[in-house]
Amino acid sequence: MPIPTYFFKSLESIYYFRMRVPTDLRPFFNGIELKRSLRTKSKTVALRRCRQYVVASEQVFETIRLSHFKAELTGTSLTQTSALYDSEQKNFHRYIRDV
């Protein structure tokens, strides 16, 4: 099984999750990538957690895209929908901490 590109090991042998934020969603995030420690030295545990992070981040990306699309359809300004973006980003970071 090939090692995913969003999975890496630090010099201290701790595994990390790192995923680039899609270009169209960067205005809604702080930075161009999501990076979190997987808090383990076990490759098996780290791969499992990494897959969970990938799923969670993809869900957040799609939720933001969908809400942005709905805002465009209804003529709602981005400032009115920014609360949703902030909420989704907080939910993602809360989920990442809990895994």
Protein backbone atom coordinates (compact mmCIF):
# COMPACT_ATOMS: atom_id res chain seq x y z
CA MET A 1 0.00 0.00 0.00
CA PRO A 2 1.56 3.34 -1.00
CA ILE A 3 2.10 5.97 1.68
CA PRO A 4 -0.24 8.96 1.18
CA THR A 5 1.40 12.33 0.52
CA TYR A 6 -0.40 13.89 3.49
CA PHE A 7 1.25 11.51 5.93
CA PHE A 8 4.78 12.09 7.20
CA LYS A 9 7.11 11.34 10.09
CA SER A 10 9.01 14.01 12.01
CA LEU A 11 12.61 13.78 13.13
CA GLU A 12 11.31 12.77 16.56
CA SER A 13 9.49 9.78 14.98
CA ILE A 14 6.04 11.30 15.56
CA TYR A 15 3.65 11.01 12.63
CA TYR A 16 1.86 14.05 11.22
CA PHE A 17 -1.06 14.78 8.93
CA ARG A 18 -0.53 17.56 6.38
CA MET A 19 -2.91 18.54 3.60
CA ARG A 20 -2.88 21.57 1.34
CA VAL A 21 -5.98 23.72 1.43
CA PRO A 22 -7.49 23.93 -2.08
CA THR A 23 -6.73 27.23 -3.78
CA ASP A 24 -10.38 28.28 -3.98
CA LEU A 25 -10.82 27.82 -0.21
CA ARG A 26 -7.67 29.54 1.05
CA PRO A 27 -9.46 32.82 1.86
CA PHE A 28 -11.50 30.88 4.44
CA PHE A 29 -8.52 29.31 6.24
CA ASN A 30 -5.49 30.58 8.11
CA GLY A 31 -2.68 29.45 5.85
CA ILE A 32 -2.30 27.20 2.84
CA GLU A 33 -2.19 23.85 4.62
CA LEU A 34 -3.71 21.92 7.48
CA LYS A 35 -1.09 20.29 9.67
CA ARG A 36 -1.69 18.30 12.83
CA SER A 37 0.25 15.85 14.92
CA LEU A 38 -1.20 12.36 14.88
CA ARG A 39 0.22 11.96 18.42
CA THR A 40 1.68 8.53 17.87
CA LYS A 41 4.85 6.74 16.85
CA SER A 42 2.88 3.73 15.61
CA LYS A 43 2.56 3.67 11.85
CA THR A 44 -0.64 1.60 11.96
CA VAL A 45 -2.38 3.96 14.37
CA ALA A 46 -1.09 6.99 12.47
CA LEU A 47 -2.43 5.74 9.13
CA ARG A 48 -5.86 5.14 10.65
CA ARG A 49 -5.96 8.62 12.19
CA CYS A 50 -4.65 10.16 8.99
CA ARG A 51 -7.52 8.63 6.99
CA GLN A 52 -10.00 10.07 9.51
CA TYR A 53 -8.42 13.52 9.11
CA VAL A 54 -8.60 13.30 5.34
CA VAL A 55 -12.30 12.45 5.46
CA ALA A 56 -13.00 15.24 7.95
CA SER A 57 -11.11 17.85 5.94
CA GLU A 58 -12.79 16.83 2.67
CA GLN A 59 -16.18 17.14 4.35
CA VAL A 60 -15.34 20.62 5.59
CA PHE A 61 -14.09 21.64 2.14
CA GLU A 62 -17.29 20.43 0.49
CA THR A 63 -19.52 22.08 3.11
CA ILE A 64 -17.81 25.41 2.54
CA ARG A 65 -18.03 25.07 -1.24
CA LEU A 66 -21.72 24.19 -1.03
CA SER A 67 -22.53 27.10 1.27
CA HIS A 68 -20.55 29.44 -0.98
CA PHE A 69 -22.52 28.18 -3.99
CA LYS A 70 -25.82 28.66 -2.14
CA ALA A 71 -24.77 32.19 -1.16
CA GLU A 72 -24.07 33.01 -4.80
CA LEU A 73 -27.46 31.65 -5.87
CA THR A 74 -29.37 33.65 -3.28
CA GLY A 75 -27.28 36.79 -3.66
CA THR A 76 -26.09 36.64 -0.06
CA SER A 77 -22.81 38.44 0.52
CA LEU A 78 -19.76 36.56 1.72
CA THR A 79 -19.69 38.63 4.91
CA GLN A 80 -23.12 37.28 5.82
CA THR A 81 -21.98 33.71 5.31
CA SER A 82 -18.60 34.15 7.01
CA ALA A 83 -20.08 32.88 10.29
CA LEU A 84 -20.69 29.52 8.62
CA TYR A 85 -17.11 29.36 7.39
CA ASP A 86 -15.80 30.19 10.85
CA SER A 87 -18.09 27.57 12.33
CA GLU A 88 -16.94 24.88 9.89
CA GLN A 89 -13.30 25.67 10.50
CA LYS A 90 -13.81 25.48 14.28
CA ASN A 91 -15.69 22.18 13.89
CA PHE A 92 -12.82 20.78 11.82
CA HIS A 93 -10.21 21.82 14.39
CA ARG A 94 -12.37 20.46 17.23
CA TYR A 95 -12.74 17.15 15.39
CA ILE A 96 -9.00 17.00 14.78
CA ARG A 97 -8.30 17.51 18.49
CA ASP A 98 -10.79 14.80 19.48
CA VAL A 99 -9.52 12.05 17.20
